[in-house]
PDB file of N, CA and C in Angstrom:
ATOM      1  N   MET A   1     121.385 106.029  23.245  1.00  0.00           N
ATOM      2  CA  MET A   1     120.620 107.242  23.068  1.00  0.00           C
ATOM      3  C   MET A   1     119.458 107.252  24.060  1.00  0.00           C
ATOM      4  N   LYS A   2     119.327 108.322  24.800  1.00  0.00           N
ATOM      5  CA  LYS A   2     118.239 108.461  25.754  1.00  0.00           C
ATOM      6  C   LYS A   2     117.195 109.419  25.202  1.00  0.00           C
ATOM      7  N   PHE A   3     115.956 109.130  25.524  1.00  0.00           N
ATOM      8  CA  PHE A   3     114.891 110.071  25.205  1.00  0.00           C
ATOM      9  C   PHE A   3     113.820 109.953  26.271  1.00  0.00           C
ATOM     10  N   PHE A   4     113.042 110.978  26.413  1.00  0.00           N
ATOM     11  CA  PHE A   4     112.023 111.019  27.447  1.00  0.00           C
ATOM     12  C   PHE A   4     110.659 111.254  26.815  1.00  0.00           C
ATOM     13  N   LEU A   5     109.682 110.530  27.298  1.00  0.00           N
ATOM     14  CA  LEU A   5     108.304 110.705  26.844  1.00  0.00           C
ATOM     15  C   LEU A   5     107.566 111.633  27.793  1.00  0.00           C
ATOM     16  N   PRO A   6     106.732 112.488  27.259  1.00  0.00           N
ATOM     17  CA  PRO A   6     105.852 113.244  28.153  1.00  0.00           C
ATOM     18  C   PRO A   6     104.943 112.251  28.899  1.00  0.00           C
ATOM     19  N   ILE A   7     104.588 112.587  30.119  1.00  0.00           N
ATOM     20  CA  ILE A   7     103.762 111.687  30.941  1.00  0.00           C
ATOM     21  C   ILE A   7     102.474 111.310  30.219  1.00  0.00           C
ATOM     22  N   SER A   8     101.857 112.269  29.546  1.00  0.00           N
ATOM     23  CA  SER A   8     100.596 111.974  28.859  1.00  0.00           C
ATOM     24  C   SER A   8     100.791 110.917  27.770  1.00  0.00           C
ATOM     25  N   VAL A   9     101.903 110.980  27.056  1.00  0.00           N
ATOM     26  CA  VAL A   9     102.185 109.993  26.010  1.00  0.00           C
ATOM     27  C   VAL A   9     102.485 108.631  26.648  1.00  0.00           C
ATOM     28  N   ALA A  10     103.268 108.632  27.711  1.00  0.00           N
ATOM     29  CA  ALA A  10     103.581 107.375  28.408  1.00  0.00           C
ATOM     30  C   ALA A  10     102.300 106.724  28.937  1.00  0.00           C
ATOM     31  N   ASN A  11     101.389 107.524  29.472  1.00  0.00           N
ATOM     32  CA  ASN A  11     100.115 106.979  29.955  1.00  0.00           C
ATOM     33  C   ASN A  11      99.294 106.387  28.825  1.00  0.00           C
ATOM     34  N   LEU A  12      99.283 107.050  27.690  1.00  0.00           N
ATOM     35  CA  LEU A  12      98.545 106.547  26.528  1.00  0.00           C
ATOM     36  C   LEU A  12      99.110 105.203  26.076  1.00  0.00           C
ATOM     37  N   ILE A  13     100.425 105.138  25.951  1.00  0.00           N
ATOM     38  CA  ILE A  13     101.081 103.890  25.541  1.00  0.00           C
ATOM     39  C   ILE A  13     100.827 102.788  26.566  1.00  0.00           C
ATOM     40  N   ALA A  14     100.935 103.122  27.840  1.00  0.00           N
ATOM     41  CA  ALA A  14     100.713 102.134  28.899  1.00  0.00           C
ATOM     42  C   ALA A  14      99.288 101.595  28.826  1.00  0.00           C
ATOM     43  N   GLY A  15      98.321 102.468  28.576  1.00  0.00           N
ATOM     44  CA  GLY A  15      96.930 102.025  28.458  1.00  0.00           C
ATOM     45  C   GLY A  15      96.747 101.043  27.315  1.00  0.00           C
ATOM     46  N   VAL A  16      97.373 101.333  26.187  1.00  0.00           N
ATOM     47  CA  VAL A  16      97.300 100.422  25.032  1.00  0.00           C
ATOM     48  C   VAL A  16      97.954  99.086  25.381  1.00  0.00           C
ATOM     49  N   LEU A  17      99.116  99.131  26.019  1.00  0.00           N
ATOM     50  CA  LEU A  17      99.813  97.898  26.398  1.00  0.00           C
ATOM     51  C   LEU A  17      99.006  97.074  27.404  1.00  0.00           C
ATOM     52  N   GLU A  18      98.314  97.747  28.326  1.00  0.00           N
ATOM     53  CA  GLU A  18      97.467  97.024  29.296  1.00  0.00           C
ATOM     54  C   GLU A  18      96.324  96.314  28.583  1.00  0.00           C
ATOM     55  N   LYS A  19      95.698  96.977  27.617  1.00  0.00           N
ATOM     56  CA  LYS A  19      94.592  96.349  26.872  1.00  0.00           C
ATOM     57  C   LYS A  19      95.082  95.152  26.074  1.00  0.00           C
ATOM     58  N   LYS A  20      96.242  95.307  25.436  1.00  0.00           N
ATOM     59  CA  LYS A  20      96.824  94.208  24.673  1.00  0.00           C
ATOM     60  C   LYS A  20      97.150  93.033  25.589  1.00  0.00           C
ATOM     61  N   ALA A  21      97.711  93.338  26.759  1.00  0.00           N
ATOM     62  CA  ALA A  21      98.065  92.282  27.715  1.00  0.00           C
ATOM     63  C   ALA A  21      96.830  91.543  28.204  1.00  0.00           C
ATOM     64  N   LYS A  22      95.747  92.282  28.381  1.00  0.00           N
ATOM     65  CA  LYS A  22      94.507  91.651  28.836  1.00  0.00           C
ATOM     66  C   LYS A  22      94.002  90.649  27.800  1.00  0.00           C
ATOM     67  N   LYS A  23      94.147  90.992  26.520  1.00  0.00           N
ATOM     68  CA  LYS A  23      93.704  90.100  25.438  1.00  0.00           C
ATOM     69  C   LYS A  23      94.611  88.894  25.279  1.00  0.00           C
ATOM     70  N   THR A  24      95.922  89.106  25.401  1.00  0.00           N
ATOM     71  CA  THR A  24      96.882  88.027  25.164  1.00  0.00           C
ATOM     72  C   THR A  24      97.203  87.216  26.412  1.00  0.00           C
ATOM     73  N   GLY A  25      96.916  87.794  27.587  1.00  0.00           N
ATOM     74  CA  GLY A  25      97.248  87.109  28.831  1.00  0.00           C
ATOM     75  C   GLY A  25      98.707  87.268  29.226  1.00  0.00           C
ATOM     76  N   LYS A  26      99.438  88.101  28.477  1.00  0.00           N
ATOM     77  CA  LYS A  26     100.845  88.338  28.805  1.00  0.00           C
ATOM     78  C   LYS A  26     100.969  89.580  29.664  1.00  0.00           C
ATOM     79  N   LYS A  27     102.101  89.709  30.319  1.00  0.00           N
ATOM     80  CA  LYS A  27     102.368  90.848  31.193  1.00  0.00           C
ATOM     81  C   LYS A  27     102.731  92.072  30.349  1.00  0.00           C
ATOM     82  N   PRO A  28     102.132  93.238  30.632  1.00  0.00           N
ATOM     83  CA  PRO A  28     102.473  94.428  29.840  1.00  0.00           C
ATOM     84  C   PRO A  28     103.866  94.946  30.172  1.00  0.00           C
ATOM     85  N   LEU A  29     104.504  95.560  29.174  1.00  0.00           N
ATOM     86  CA  LEU A  29     105.834  96.137  29.366  1.00  0.00           C
ATOM     87  C   LEU A  29     105.791  97.256  30.397  1.00  0.00           C
ATOM     88  N   MET A  30     104.722  98.057  30.371  1.00  0.00           N
ATOM     89  CA  MET A  30     104.516  99.089  31.384  1.00  0.00           C
ATOM     90  C   MET A  30     103.023  99.273  31.591  1.00  0.00           C
ATOM     91  N   THR A  31     102.666  99.812  32.734  1.00  0.00           N
ATOM     92  CA  THR A  31     101.263 100.019  33.079  1.00  0.00           C
ATOM     93  C   THR A  31     101.040 101.481  33.444  1.00  0.00           C
ATOM     94  N   THR A  32      99.789 101.873  33.484  1.00  0.00           N
ATOM     95  CA  THR A  32      99.496 103.247  33.899  1.00  0.00           C
ATOM     96  C   THR A  32      99.936 103.461  35.347  1.00  0.00           C
ATOM     97  N   PHE A  33      99.877 102.413  36.152  1.00  0.00           N
ATOM     98  CA  PHE A  33     100.332 102.520  37.534  1.00  0.00           C
ATOM     99  C   PHE A  33     101.852 102.732  37.601  1.00  0.00           C
ATOM    100  N   SER A  34     102.594 102.031  36.746  1.00  0.00           N
ATOM    101  CA  SER A  34     104.046 102.214  36.749  1.00  0.00           C
ATOM    102  C   SER A  34     104.417 103.619  36.272  1.00  0.00           C
ATOM    103  N   VAL A  35     103.677 104.148  35.297  1.00  0.00           N
ATOM    104  CA  VAL A  35     103.918 105.520  34.830  1.00  0.00           C
ATOM    105  C   VAL A  35     103.627 106.503  35.965  1.00  0.00           C
ATOM    106  N   TYR A  36     102.524 106.276  36.666  1.00  0.00           N
ATOM    107  CA  TYR A  36     102.170 107.127  37.806  1.00  0.00           C
ATOM    108  C   TYR A  36     103.297 107.148  38.833  1.00  0.00           C
ATOM    109  N   ASN A  37     103.819 105.980  39.170  1.00  0.00           N
ATOM    110  CA  ASN A  37     104.884 105.904  40.169  1.00  0.00           C
ATOM    111  C   ASN A  37     106.176 106.551  39.703  1.00  0.00           C
ATOM    112  N   LEU A  38     106.500 106.408  38.435  1.00  0.00           N
ATOM    113  CA  LEU A  38     107.711 107.033  37.910  1.00  0.00           C
ATOM    114  C   LEU A  38     107.592 108.551  37.860  1.00  0.00           C
ATOM    115  N   ALA A  39     106.377 109.051  37.714  1.00  0.00           N
ATOM    116  CA  ALA A  39     106.161 110.491  37.615  1.00  0.00           C
ATOM    117  C   ALA A  39     106.186 111.189  38.979  1.00  0.00           C
ATOM    118  N   ARG A  40     106.032 110.430  40.032  1.00  0.00           N
ATOM    119  CA  ARG A  40     106.001 111.017  41.377  1.00  0.00           C
ATOM    120  C   ARG A  40     107.397 111.416  41.821  1.00  0.00           C
ATOM    121  N   ASN A  41     107.454 112.291  42.782  1.00  0.00           N
ATOM    122  CA  ASN A  41     108.727 112.667  43.377  1.00  0.00           C
ATOM    123  C   ASN A  41     109.056 111.634  44.446  1.00  0.00           C
ATOM    124  N   ASN A  42     109.884 110.693  44.103  1.00  0.00           N
ATOM    125  CA  ASN A  42     110.214 109.601  45.024  1.00  0.00           C
ATOM    126  C   ASN A  42     111.601 109.767  45.634  1.00  0.00           C
ATOM    127  N   ARG A  43     111.970 110.988  45.903  1.00  0.00           N
ATOM    128  CA  ARG A  43     113.267 111.224  46.527  1.00  0.00           C
ATOM    129  C   ARG A  43     113.101 111.195  48.043  1.00  0.00           C
ATOM    130  N   PHE A  44     113.822 110.286  48.654  1.00  0.00           N
ATOM    131  CA  PHE A  44     113.739 110.135  50.099  1.00  0.00           C
ATOM    132  C   PHE A  44     115.091 110.414  50.720  1.00  0.00           C
ATOM    133  N   ASP A  45     115.063 110.909  51.918  1.00  0.00           N
ATOM    134  CA  ASP A  45     116.282 111.253  52.626  1.00  0.00           C
ATOM    135  C   ASP A  45     116.158 110.713  54.050  1.00  0.00           C
ATOM    136  N   SER A  46     117.152 109.963  54.468  1.00  0.00           N
ATOM    137  CA  SER A  46     117.094 109.353  55.796  1.00  0.00           C
ATOM    138  C   SER A  46     117.793 110.198  56.859  1.00  0.00           C
ATOM    139  N   SER A  47     118.190 111.430  56.534  1.00  0.00           N
ATOM    140  CA  SER A  47     118.959 112.234  57.491  1.00  0.00           C
ATOM    141  C   SER A  47     118.165 112.532  58.762  1.00  0.00           C
ATOM    142  N   LYS A  48     116.865 112.776  58.648  1.00  0.00           N
ATOM    143  CA  LYS A  48     116.070 113.055  59.845  1.00  0.00           C
ATOM    144  C   LYS A  48     115.977 111.812  60.728  1.00  0.00           C
ATOM    145  N   ALA A  49     115.793 110.654  60.115  1.00  0.00           N
ATOM    146  CA  ALA A  49     115.744 109.408  60.887  1.00  0.00           C
ATOM    147  C   ALA A  49     117.085 109.146  61.565  1.00  0.00           C
ATOM    148  N   SER A  50     118.161 109.467  60.872  1.00  0.00           N
ATOM    149  CA  SER A  50     119.490 109.305  61.470  1.00  0.00           C
ATOM    150  C   SER A  50     119.664 110.237  62.661  1.00  0.00           C
ATOM    151  N   LYS A  51     119.294 111.493  62.464  1.00  0.00           N
ATOM    152  CA  LYS A  51     119.476 112.507  63.510  1.00  0.00           C
ATOM    153  C   LYS A  51     118.554 112.244  64.707  1.00  0.00           C
ATOM    154  N   ASP A  52     117.262 112.028  64.446  1.00  0.00           N
ATOM    155  CA  ASP A  52     116.285 111.909  65.535  1.00  0.00           C
ATOM    156  C   ASP A  52     116.210 110.520  66.158  1.00  0.00           C
ATOM    157  N   LEU A  53     116.473 109.480  65.356  1.00  0.00           N
ATOM    158  CA  LEU A  53     116.275 108.111  65.848  1.00  0.00           C
ATOM    159  C   LEU A  53     117.555 107.280  65.912  1.00  0.00           C
ATOM    160  N   GLY A  54     118.650 107.845  65.409  1.00  0.00           N
ATOM    161  CA  GLY A  54     119.895 107.085  65.404  1.00  0.00           C
ATOM    162  C   GLY A  54     119.921 106.001  64.340  1.00  0.00           C
ATOM    163  N   TYR A  55     119.090 106.147  63.307  1.00  0.00           N
ATOM    164  CA  TYR A  55     118.993 105.163  62.228  1.00  0.00           C
ATOM    165  C   TYR A  55     120.300 105.066  61.460  1.00  0.00           C
ATOM    166  N   THR A  56     120.722 103.846  61.178  1.00  0.00           N
ATOM    167  CA  THR A  56     121.890 103.621  60.325  1.00  0.00           C
ATOM    168  C   THR A  56     121.555 102.534  59.315  1.00  0.00           C
ATOM    169  N   THR A  57     122.259 102.535  58.208  1.00  0.00           N
ATOM    170  CA  THR A  57     122.045 101.513  57.184  1.00  0.00           C
ATOM    171  C   THR A  57     123.145 100.470  57.268  1.00  0.00           C
ATOM    172  N   ARG A  58     122.879  99.337  56.641  1.00  0.00           N
ATOM    173  CA  ARG A  58     123.886  98.285  56.557  1.00  0.00           C
ATOM    174  C   ARG A  58     124.445  98.268  55.141  1.00  0.00           C
ATOM    175  N   SER A  59     125.565  97.622  54.953  1.00  0.00           N
ATOM    176  CA  SER A  59     126.139  97.513  53.615  1.00  0.00           C
ATOM    177  C   SER A  59     125.257  96.593  52.763  1.00  0.00           C
ATOM    178  N   TYR A  60     125.295  96.819  51.457  1.00  0.00           N
ATOM    179  CA  TYR A  60     124.536  95.955  50.548  1.00  0.00           C
ATOM    180  C   TYR A  60     125.001  94.510  50.677  1.00  0.00           C
ATOM    181  N   ARG A  61     126.289  94.328  50.800  1.00  0.00           N
ATOM    182  CA  ARG A  61     126.849  92.971  50.905  1.00  0.00           C
ATOM    183  C   ARG A  61     126.267  92.236  52.113  1.00  0.00           C
ATOM    184  N   GLU A  62     126.228  92.894  53.254  1.00  0.00           N
ATOM    185  CA  GLU A  62     125.679  92.281  54.472  1.00  0.00           C
ATOM    186  C   GLU A  62     124.182  91.995  54.300  1.00  0.00           C
ATOM    187  N   THR A  63     123.471  92.923  53.714  1.00  0.00           N
ATOM    188  CA  THR A  63     122.032  92.755  53.513  1.00  0.00           C
ATOM    189  C   THR A  63     121.736  91.592  52.580  1.00  0.00           C
ATOM    190  N   ILE A  64     122.452  91.514  51.460  1.00  0.00           N
ATOM    191  CA  ILE A  64     122.240  90.424  50.495  1.00  0.00           C
ATOM    192  C   ILE A  64     122.610  89.090  51.124  1.00  0.00           C
ATOM    193  N   ARG A  65     123.715  89.044  51.878  1.00  0.00           N
ATOM    194  CA  ARG A  65     124.124  87.801  52.541  1.00  0.00           C
ATOM    195  C   ARG A  65     123.024  87.310  53.488  1.00  0.00           C
ATOM    196  N   ASP A  66     122.460  88.229  54.289  1.00  0.00           N
ATOM    197  CA  ASP A  66     121.393  87.847  55.218  1.00  0.00           C
ATOM    198  C   ASP A  66     120.125  87.428  54.481  1.00  0.00           C
ATOM    199  N   GLU A  67     119.836  88.097  53.372  1.00  0.00           N
ATOM    200  CA  GLU A  67     118.656  87.734  52.584  1.00  0.00           C
ATOM    201  C   GLU A  67     118.791  86.327  52.016  1.00  0.00           C
ATOM    202  N   ILE A  68     119.956  86.012  51.469  1.00  0.00           N
ATOM    203  CA  ILE A  68     120.190  84.671  50.928  1.00  0.00           C
ATOM    204  C   ILE A  68     120.082  83.622  52.022  1.00  0.00           C
ATOM    205  N   ARG A  69     120.669  83.899  53.179  1.00  0.00           N
ATOM    206  CA  ARG A  69     120.575  82.960  54.304  1.00  0.00           C
ATOM    207  C   ARG A  69     119.126  82.731  54.695  1.00  0.00           C
ATOM    208  N   TRP A  70     118.339  83.812  54.779  1.00  0.00           N
ATOM    209  CA  TRP A  70     116.927  83.690  55.159  1.00  0.00           C
ATOM    210  C   TRP A  70     116.151  82.902  54.109  1.00  0.00           C
ATOM    211  N   LEU A  71     116.406  83.181  52.821  1.00  0.00           N
ATOM    212  CA  LEU A  71     115.705  82.453  51.757  1.00  0.00           C
ATOM    213  C   LEU A  71     116.006  80.956  51.830  1.00  0.00           C
ATOM    214  N   LYS A  72     117.251  80.611  52.129  1.00  0.00           N
ATOM    215  CA  LYS A  72     117.617  79.188  52.266  1.00  0.00           C
ATOM    216  C   LYS A  72     116.944  78.576  53.483  1.00  0.00           C
ATOM    217  N   GLU A  73     116.965  79.294  54.618  1.00  0.00           N
ATOM    218  CA  GLU A  73     116.363  78.774  55.856  1.00  0.00           C
ATOM    219  C   GLU A  73     114.864  78.542  55.726  1.00  0.00           C
ATOM    220  N   THR A  74     114.211  79.372  54.944  1.00  0.00           N
ATOM    221  CA  THR A  74     112.753  79.247  54.790  1.00  0.00           C
ATOM    222  C   THR A  74     112.364  78.352  53.606  1.00  0.00           C
ATOM    223  N   GLY A  75     113.367  77.775  52.924  1.00  0.00           N
ATOM    224  CA  GLY A  75     113.095  76.853  51.826  1.00  0.00           C
ATOM    225  C   GLY A  75     112.657  77.526  50.534  1.00  0.00           C
ATOM    226  N   LYS A  76     112.869  78.804  50.416  1.00  0.00           N
ATOM    227  CA  LYS A  76     112.470  79.515  49.193  1.00  0.00           C
ATOM    228  C   LYS A  76     113.475  79.306  48.082  1.00  0.00           C
ATOM    229  N   ILE A  77     114.744  79.053  48.447  1.00  0.00           N
ATOM    230  CA  ILE A  77     115.771  78.672  47.479  1.00  0.00           C
ATOM    231  C   ILE A  77     116.581  77.527  48.078  1.00  0.00           C
ATOM    232  N   ALA A  78     117.275  76.800  47.204  1.00  0.00           N
ATOM    233  CA  ALA A  78     118.076  75.656  47.673  1.00  0.00           C
ATOM    234  C   ALA A  78     119.499  76.073  47.932  1.00  0.00           C
TER     235      ALA A  78
END
């Protein structure tokens, strides 16, 4: 079941969770900053970069493979 909170309610809840987290030292489930970011229009389109700059993307598989290789090379993972 899905439901949506009005932004004002989500901000109120986030504020309460932030105060609780500050007292307990635990990480809050959500923050006012996370609510702010979710409320923004974060739709991006790379078509202009493709057209004007020749931008292309790589496959997720190739990207993840290179990321894992880099993490191993830099000693961040074994």
